[in-house]
Amino acid sequence: MFYLPNVEHHDGTDKKLLLLQQFSNELKELGRALLLLYLDEKSHKEIAAIMEILPTNVSTKIGRIKEALELKFSQVKDL
């Protein structure tokens, strides 16, 4: 699972959630859909059936999305 530490923004919103939304909007449509299903705690088998792709492709694509998000979060200086 991809975890985001809790950091509240000055206006009370969770800055990491706002960043996650921003970063997910930068993904291609397939990536956003996979991420949303993953965050909705769907199994890889369920995601594969919904997206009409192989479960191994789900695993690979989610792994790549998580790596990309982790890199983007690591580049944010004020977290």
PDB file of N, CA and C in Angstrom:
ATOM      1  N   MET A   1       0.845  -1.180   0.000  1.00  0.00           N
ATOM      2  CA  MET A   1       0.000   0.000   0.000  1.00  0.00           C
ATOM      3  C   MET A   1       0.879   1.228   0.000  1.00  0.00           C
ATOM      4  N   PHE A   2       0.401   2.281  -0.581  1.00  0.00           N
ATOM      5  CA  PHE A   2       1.097   3.560  -0.649  1.00  0.00           C
ATOM      6  C   PHE A   2       0.593   4.428   0.482  1.00  0.00           C
ATOM      7  N   TYR A   3       1.462   4.796   1.424  1.00  0.00           N
ATOM      8  CA  TYR A   3       1.040   5.554   2.603  1.00  0.00           C
ATOM      9  C   TYR A   3       1.500   6.992   2.521  1.00  0.00           C
ATOM     10  N   LEU A   4       0.649   7.878   2.990  1.00  0.00           N
ATOM     11  CA  LEU A   4       0.960   9.296   3.056  1.00  0.00           C
ATOM     12  C   LEU A   4       0.955   9.734   4.508  1.00  0.00           C
ATOM     13  N   PRO A   5       2.079  10.223   5.007  1.00  0.00           N
ATOM     14  CA  PRO A   5       2.078  10.737   6.382  1.00  0.00           C
ATOM     15  C   PRO A   5       1.129  11.931   6.496  1.00  0.00           C
ATOM     16  N   ASN A   6       0.549  12.113   7.662  1.00  0.00           N
ATOM     17  CA  ASN A   6      -0.386  13.217   7.881  1.00  0.00           C
ATOM     18  C   ASN A   6       0.360  14.515   8.141  1.00  0.00           C
ATOM     19  N   VAL A   7       0.104  15.501   7.312  1.00  0.00           N
ATOM     20  CA  VAL A   7       0.657  16.842   7.500  1.00  0.00           C
ATOM     21  C   VAL A   7      -0.461  17.813   7.160  1.00  0.00           C
ATOM     22  N   GLU A   8      -0.885  18.587   8.142  1.00  0.00           N
ATOM     23  CA  GLU A   8      -1.970  19.532   7.883  1.00  0.00           C
ATOM     24  C   GLU A   8      -1.427  20.830   7.325  1.00  0.00           C
ATOM     25  N   HIS A   9      -2.099  21.346   6.333  1.00  0.00           N
ATOM     26  CA  HIS A   9      -1.775  22.620   5.719  1.00  0.00           C
ATOM     27  C   HIS A   9      -2.272  23.724   6.645  1.00  0.00           C
ATOM     28  N   HIS A  10      -1.804  24.920   6.459  1.00  0.00           N
ATOM     29  CA  HIS A  10      -2.187  26.026   7.348  1.00  0.00           C
ATOM     30  C   HIS A  10      -3.692  26.260   7.412  1.00  0.00           C
ATOM     31  N   ASP A  11      -4.415  25.878   6.371  1.00  0.00           N
ATOM     32  CA  ASP A  11      -5.867  26.089   6.407  1.00  0.00           C
ATOM     33  C   ASP A  11      -6.610  24.842   6.885  1.00  0.00           C
ATOM     34  N   GLY A  12      -5.882  23.848   7.406  1.00  0.00           N
ATOM     35  CA  GLY A  12      -6.512  22.650   7.965  1.00  0.00           C
ATOM     36  C   GLY A  12      -6.632  21.496   6.990  1.00  0.00           C
ATOM     37  N   THR A  13      -6.393  21.747   5.706  1.00  0.00           N
ATOM     38  CA  THR A  13      -6.463  20.647   4.747  1.00  0.00           C
ATOM     39  C   THR A  13      -5.174  19.851   4.788  1.00  0.00           C
ATOM     40  N   ASP A  14      -5.275  18.606   4.440  1.00  0.00           N
ATOM     41  CA  ASP A  14      -4.105  17.737   4.433  1.00  0.00           C
ATOM     42  C   ASP A  14      -3.321  17.996   3.151  1.00  0.00           C
ATOM     43  N   LYS A  15      -2.138  18.559   3.292  1.00  0.00           N
ATOM     44  CA  LYS A  15      -1.323  18.936   2.145  1.00  0.00           C
ATOM     45  C   LYS A  15      -0.980  17.730   1.284  1.00  0.00           C
ATOM     46  N   LYS A  16      -0.716  16.595   1.898  1.00  0.00           N
ATOM     47  CA  LYS A  16      -0.361  15.412   1.132  1.00  0.00           C
ATOM     48  C   LYS A  16      -1.528  14.926   0.270  1.00  0.00           C
ATOM     49  N   LEU A  17      -2.732  15.063   0.775  1.00  0.00           N
ATOM     50  CA  LEU A  17      -3.893  14.681  -0.039  1.00  0.00           C
ATOM     51  C   LEU A  17      -4.063  15.621  -1.224  1.00  0.00           C
ATOM     52  N   LEU A  18      -3.810  16.898  -0.999  1.00  0.00           N
ATOM     53  CA  LEU A  18      -3.881  17.853  -2.093  1.00  0.00           C
ATOM     54  C   LEU A  18      -2.816  17.552  -3.144  1.00  0.00           C
ATOM     55  N   LEU A  19      -1.620  17.206  -2.685  1.00  0.00           N
ATOM     56  CA  LEU A  19      -0.549  16.843  -3.614  1.00  0.00           C
ATOM     57  C   LEU A  19      -0.884  15.561  -4.362  1.00  0.00           C
ATOM     58  N   LEU A  20      -1.447  14.585  -3.663  1.00  0.00           N
ATOM     59  CA  LEU A  20      -1.839  13.336  -4.317  1.00  0.00           C
ATOM     60  C   LEU A  20      -2.852  13.625  -5.422  1.00  0.00           C
ATOM     61  N   GLN A  21      -3.801  14.493  -5.142  1.00  0.00           N
ATOM     62  CA  GLN A  21      -4.779  14.865  -6.160  1.00  0.00           C
ATOM     63  C   GLN A  21      -4.089  15.528  -7.345  1.00  0.00           C
ATOM     64  N   GLN A  22      -3.177  16.423  -7.077  1.00  0.00           N
ATOM     65  CA  GLN A  22      -2.443  17.110  -8.143  1.00  0.00           C
ATOM     66  C   GLN A  22      -1.648  16.113  -8.972  1.00  0.00           C
ATOM     67  N   PHE A  23      -0.893  15.245  -8.302  1.00  0.00           N
ATOM     68  CA  PHE A  23      -0.060  14.281  -9.006  1.00  0.00           C
ATOM     69  C   PHE A  23      -0.902  13.278  -9.784  1.00  0.00           C
ATOM     70  N   SER A  24      -2.028  12.869  -9.225  1.00  0.00           N
ATOM     71  CA  SER A  24      -2.874  11.906  -9.932  1.00  0.00           C
ATOM     72  C   SER A  24      -3.490  12.547 -11.171  1.00  0.00           C
ATOM     73  N   ASN A  25      -3.756  13.833 -11.117  1.00  0.00           N
ATOM     74  CA  ASN A  25      -4.284  14.535 -12.292  1.00  0.00           C
ATOM     75  C   ASN A  25      -3.261  14.602 -13.421  1.00  0.00           C
ATOM     76  N   GLU A  26      -1.988  14.446 -13.088  1.00  0.00           N
ATOM     77  CA  GLU A  26      -0.928  14.457 -14.092  1.00  0.00           C
ATOM     78  C   GLU A  26      -0.780  13.100 -14.785  1.00  0.00           C
ATOM     79  N   LEU A  27      -1.400  12.060 -14.228  1.00  0.00           N
ATOM     80  CA  LEU A  27      -1.328  10.731 -14.832  1.00  0.00           C
ATOM     81  C   LEU A  27      -2.226  10.660 -16.058  1.00  0.00           C
ATOM     82  N   LYS A  28      -1.908   9.720 -16.933  1.00  0.00           N
ATOM     83  CA  LYS A  28      -2.797   9.458 -18.061  1.00  0.00           C
ATOM     84  C   LYS A  28      -4.084   8.848 -17.521  1.00  0.00           C
ATOM     85  N   GLU A  29      -5.107   8.833 -18.353  1.00  0.00           N
ATOM     86  CA  GLU A  29      -6.426   8.363 -17.924  1.00  0.00           C
ATOM     87  C   GLU A  29      -6.380   6.949 -17.336  1.00  0.00           C
ATOM     88  N   LEU A  30      -5.668   6.043 -17.971  1.00  0.00           N
ATOM     89  CA  LEU A  30      -5.560   4.675 -17.471  1.00  0.00           C
ATOM     90  C   LEU A  30      -4.903   4.655 -16.090  1.00  0.00           C
ATOM     91  N   GLY A  31      -3.855   5.427 -15.913  1.00  0.00           N
ATOM     92  CA  GLY A  31      -3.165   5.495 -14.632  1.00  0.00           C
ATOM     93  C   GLY A  31      -4.054   6.032 -13.528  1.00  0.00           C
ATOM     94  N   ARG A  32      -4.817   7.077 -13.828  1.00  0.00           N
ATOM     95  CA  ARG A  32      -5.743   7.633 -12.834  1.00  0.00           C
ATOM     96  C   ARG A  32      -6.799   6.611 -12.447  1.00  0.00           C
ATOM     97  N   ALA A  33      -7.331   5.917 -13.442  1.00  0.00           N
ATOM     98  CA  ALA A  33      -8.357   4.906 -13.157  1.00  0.00           C
ATOM     99  C   ALA A  33      -7.790   3.790 -12.292  1.00  0.00           C
ATOM    100  N   LEU A  34      -6.602   3.323 -12.623  1.00  0.00           N
ATOM    101  CA  LEU A  34      -5.967   2.271 -11.819  1.00  0.00           C
ATOM    102  C   LEU A  34      -5.728   2.741 -10.390  1.00  0.00           C
ATOM    103  N   LEU A  35      -5.235   3.968 -10.249  1.00  0.00           N
ATOM    104  CA  LEU A  35      -4.956   4.510  -8.922  1.00  0.00           C
ATOM    105  C   LEU A  35      -6.233   4.617  -8.098  1.00  0.00           C
ATOM    106  N   LEU A  36      -7.298   5.104  -8.695  1.00  0.00           N
ATOM    107  CA  LEU A  36      -8.562   5.236  -7.965  1.00  0.00           C
ATOM    108  C   LEU A  36      -9.095   3.867  -7.521  1.00  0.00           C
ATOM    109  N   LEU A  37      -9.018   2.895  -8.395  1.00  0.00           N
ATOM    110  CA  LEU A  37      -9.479   1.549  -8.024  1.00  0.00           C
ATOM    111  C   LEU A  37      -8.592   0.957  -6.935  1.00  0.00           C
ATOM    112  N   TYR A  38      -7.291   1.194  -7.035  1.00  0.00           N
ATOM    113  CA  TYR A  38      -6.345   0.712  -6.020  1.00  0.00           C
ATOM    114  C   TYR A  38      -6.634   1.375  -4.668  1.00  0.00           C
ATOM    115  N   LEU A  39      -6.845   2.681  -4.674  1.00  0.00           N
ATOM    116  CA  LEU A  39      -7.142   3.397  -3.430  1.00  0.00           C
ATOM    117  C   LEU A  39      -8.507   3.009  -2.871  1.00  0.00           C
ATOM    118  N   ASP A  40      -9.381   2.502  -3.738  1.00  0.00           N
ATOM    119  CA  ASP A  40     -10.682   2.004  -3.313  1.00  0.00           C
ATOM    120  C   ASP A  40     -10.575   0.563  -2.792  1.00  0.00           C
ATOM    121  N   GLU A  41      -9.340   0.089  -2.690  1.00  0.00           N
ATOM    122  CA  GLU A  41      -9.004  -1.231  -2.129  1.00  0.00           C
ATOM    123  C   GLU A  41      -9.580  -2.392  -2.927  1.00  0.00           C
ATOM    124  N   LYS A  42      -9.668  -2.209  -4.248  1.00  0.00           N
ATOM    125  CA  LYS A  42     -10.054  -3.312  -5.119  1.00  0.00           C
ATOM    126  C   LYS A  42      -8.851  -4.236  -5.287  1.00  0.00           C
ATOM    127  N   SER A  43      -9.106  -5.522  -5.417  1.00  0.00           N
ATOM    128  CA  SER A  43      -8.016  -6.479  -5.642  1.00  0.00           C
ATOM    129  C   SER A  43      -7.505  -6.318  -7.074  1.00  0.00           C
ATOM    130  N   HIS A  44      -6.313  -6.828  -7.315  1.00  0.00           N
ATOM    131  CA  HIS A  44      -5.758  -6.763  -8.662  1.00  0.00           C
ATOM    132  C   HIS A  44      -6.652  -7.514  -9.645  1.00  0.00           C
ATOM    133  N   LYS A  45      -7.235  -8.606  -9.182  1.00  0.00           N
ATOM    134  CA  LYS A  45      -8.136  -9.388 -10.030  1.00  0.00           C
ATOM    135  C   LYS A  45      -9.384  -8.566 -10.379  1.00  0.00           C
ATOM    136  N   GLU A  46      -9.936  -7.861  -9.388  1.00  0.00           N
ATOM    137  CA  GLU A  46     -11.109  -7.014  -9.637  1.00  0.00           C
ATOM    138  C   GLU A  46     -10.765  -5.869 -10.591  1.00  0.00           C
ATOM    139  N   ILE A  47      -9.621  -5.244 -10.371  1.00  0.00           N
ATOM    140  CA  ILE A  47      -9.188  -4.138 -11.225  1.00  0.00           C
ATOM    141  C   ILE A  47      -9.001  -4.640 -12.657  1.00  0.00           C
ATOM    142  N   ALA A  48      -8.376  -5.803 -12.804  1.00  0.00           N
ATOM    143  CA  ALA A  48      -8.149  -6.375 -14.131  1.00  0.00           C
ATOM    144  C   ALA A  48      -9.470  -6.601 -14.854  1.00  0.00           C
ATOM    145  N   ALA A  49     -10.460  -7.114 -14.139  1.00  0.00           N
ATOM    146  CA  ALA A  49     -11.763  -7.369 -14.750  1.00  0.00           C
ATOM    147  C   ALA A  49     -12.440  -6.061 -15.158  1.00  0.00           C
ATOM    148  N   ILE A  50     -12.362  -5.054 -14.295  1.00  0.00           N
ATOM    149  CA  ILE A  50     -12.984  -3.759 -14.590  1.00  0.00           C
ATOM    150  C   ILE A  50     -12.303  -3.079 -15.775  1.00  0.00           C
ATOM    151  N   MET A  51     -10.965  -3.116 -15.776  1.00  0.00           N
ATOM    152  CA  MET A  51     -10.189  -2.412 -16.801  1.00  0.00           C
ATOM    153  C   MET A  51      -9.963  -3.253 -18.060  1.00  0.00           C
ATOM    154  N   GLU A  52     -10.347  -4.531 -18.000  1.00  0.00           N
ATOM    155  CA  GLU A  52     -10.162  -5.460 -19.111  1.00  0.00           C
ATOM    156  C   GLU A  52      -8.698  -5.578 -19.518  1.00  0.00           C
ATOM    157  N   ILE A  53      -7.842  -5.753 -18.499  1.00  0.00           N
ATOM    158  CA  ILE A  53      -6.422  -6.024 -18.707  1.00  0.00           C
ATOM    159  C   ILE A  53      -6.042  -7.205 -17.831  1.00  0.00           C
ATOM    160  N   LEU A  54      -4.861  -7.745 -18.042  1.00  0.00           N
ATOM    161  CA  LEU A  54      -4.409  -8.891 -17.261  1.00  0.00           C
ATOM    162  C   LEU A  54      -4.014  -8.462 -15.846  1.00  0.00           C
ATOM    163  N   PRO A  55      -4.237  -9.335 -14.855  1.00  0.00           N
ATOM    164  CA  PRO A  55      -3.833  -9.012 -13.481  1.00  0.00           C
ATOM    165  C   PRO A  55      -2.340  -8.697 -13.365  1.00  0.00           C
ATOM    166  N   THR A  56      -1.497  -9.359 -14.147  1.00  0.00           N
ATOM    167  CA  THR A  56      -0.061  -9.055 -14.089  1.00  0.00           C
ATOM    168  C   THR A  56       0.210  -7.636 -14.578  1.00  0.00           C
ATOM    169  N   ASN A  57      -0.567  -7.181 -15.559  1.00  0.00           N
ATOM    170  CA  ASN A  57      -0.422  -5.795 -16.023  1.00  0.00           C
ATOM    171  C   ASN A  57      -0.857  -4.811 -14.946  1.00  0.00           C
ATOM    172  N   VAL A  58      -1.888  -5.175 -14.195  1.00  0.00           N
ATOM    173  CA  VAL A  58      -2.343  -4.329 -13.083  1.00  0.00           C
ATOM    174  C   VAL A  58      -1.203  -4.159 -12.084  1.00  0.00           C
ATOM    175  N   SER A  59      -0.592  -5.274 -11.707  1.00  0.00           N
ATOM    176  CA  SER A  59       0.508  -5.221 -10.735  1.00  0.00           C
ATOM    177  C   SER A  59       1.647  -4.349 -11.229  1.00  0.00           C
ATOM    178  N   THR A  60       2.034  -4.533 -12.472  1.00  0.00           N
ATOM    179  CA  THR A  60       3.135  -3.759 -13.045  1.00  0.00           C
ATOM    180  C   THR A  60       2.799  -2.280 -13.096  1.00  0.00           C
ATOM    181  N   LYS A  61       1.622  -1.959 -13.601  1.00  0.00           N
ATOM    182  CA  LYS A  61       1.234  -0.548 -13.747  1.00  0.00           C
ATOM    183  C   LYS A  61       1.074   0.140 -12.393  1.00  0.00           C
ATOM    184  N   ILE A  62       0.492  -0.547 -11.427  1.00  0.00           N
ATOM    185  CA  ILE A  62       0.348   0.048 -10.092  1.00  0.00           C
ATOM    186  C   ILE A  62       1.717   0.254  -9.457  1.00  0.00           C
ATOM    187  N   GLY A  63       2.604  -0.705  -9.629  1.00  0.00           N
ATOM    188  CA  GLY A  63       3.963  -0.551  -9.113  1.00  0.00           C
ATOM    189  C   GLY A  63       4.657   0.667  -9.692  1.00  0.00           C
ATOM    190  N   ARG A  64       4.501   0.868 -10.981  1.00  0.00           N
ATOM    191  CA  ARG A  64       5.119   2.033 -11.640  1.00  0.00           C
ATOM    192  C   ARG A  64       4.483   3.343 -11.179  1.00  0.00           C
ATOM    193  N   ILE A  65       3.181   3.327 -11.008  1.00  0.00           N
ATOM    194  CA  ILE A  65       2.488   4.527 -10.519  1.00  0.00           C
ATOM    195  C   ILE A  65       2.977   4.868  -9.111  1.00  0.00           C
ATOM    196  N   LYS A  66       3.080   3.866  -8.256  1.00  0.00           N
ATOM    197  CA  LYS A  66       3.551   4.105  -6.883  1.00  0.00           C
ATOM    198  C   LYS A  66       4.967   4.654  -6.873  1.00  0.00           C
ATOM    199  N   GLU A  67       5.838   4.107  -7.718  1.00  0.00           N
ATOM    200  CA  GLU A  67       7.215   4.614  -7.801  1.00  0.00           C
ATOM    201  C   GLU A  67       7.226   6.071  -8.249  1.00  0.00           C
ATOM    202  N   ALA A  68       6.418   6.393  -9.259  1.00  0.00           N
ATOM    203  CA  ALA A  68       6.363   7.763  -9.758  1.00  0.00           C
ATOM    204  C   ALA A  68       5.843   8.720  -8.686  1.00  0.00           C
ATOM    205  N   LEU A  69       4.805   8.305  -7.957  1.00  0.00           N
ATOM    206  CA  LEU A  69       4.259   9.155  -6.896  1.00  0.00           C
ATOM    207  C   LEU A  69       5.262   9.339  -5.759  1.00  0.00           C
ATOM    208  N   GLU A  70       5.943   8.267  -5.390  1.00  0.00           N
ATOM    209  CA  GLU A  70       6.950   8.372  -4.330  1.00  0.00           C
ATOM    210  C   GLU A  70       8.057   9.341  -4.736  1.00  0.00           C
ATOM    211  N   LEU A  71       8.476   9.297  -6.005  1.00  0.00           N
ATOM    212  CA  LEU A  71       9.498  10.219  -6.494  1.00  0.00           C
ATOM    213  C   LEU A  71       8.990  11.658  -6.422  1.00  0.00           C
ATOM    214  N   LYS A  72       7.772  11.890  -6.866  1.00  0.00           N
ATOM    215  CA  LYS A  72       7.207  13.244  -6.823  1.00  0.00           C
ATOM    216  C   LYS A  72       7.113  13.757  -5.388  1.00  0.00           C
ATOM    217  N   PHE A  73       6.653  12.908  -4.462  1.00  0.00           N
ATOM    218  CA  PHE A  73       6.562  13.331  -3.059  1.00  0.00           C
ATOM    219  C   PHE A  73       7.944  13.609  -2.470  1.00  0.00           C
ATOM    220  N   SER A  74       8.932  12.833  -2.879  1.00  0.00           N
ATOM    221  CA  SER A  74      10.280  13.032  -2.330  1.00  0.00           C
ATOM    222  C   SER A  74      10.879  14.358  -2.800  1.00  0.00           C
ATOM    223  N   GLN A  75      10.373  14.893  -3.898  1.00  0.00           N
ATOM    224  CA  GLN A  75      10.892  16.139  -4.440  1.00  0.00           C
ATOM    225  C   GLN A  75      10.217  17.370  -3.839  1.00  0.00           C
ATOM    226  N   VAL A  76       9.175  17.172  -3.065  1.00  0.00           N
ATOM    227  CA  VAL A  76       8.492  18.293  -2.408  1.00  0.00           C
ATOM    228  C   VAL A  76       9.259  18.604  -1.132  1.00  0.00           C
ATOM    229  N   LYS A  77       9.714  19.831  -1.019  1.00  0.00           N
ATOM    230  CA  LYS A  77      10.625  20.189   0.065  1.00  0.00           C
ATOM    231  C   LYS A  77       9.951  20.457   1.413  1.00  0.00           C
ATOM    232  N   ASP A  78       8.752  20.957   1.433  1.00  0.00           N
ATOM    233  CA  ASP A  78       8.160  21.405   2.703  1.00  0.00           C
ATOM    234  C   ASP A  78       7.116  20.425   3.263  1.00  0.00           C
ATOM    235  N   LEU A  79       7.424  19.125   3.197  1.00  0.00           N
ATOM    236  CA  LEU A  79       6.492  18.153   3.768  1.00  0.00           C
ATOM    237  C   LEU A  79       6.907  17.766   5.136  1.00  0.00           C
TER     238      LEU A  79
END
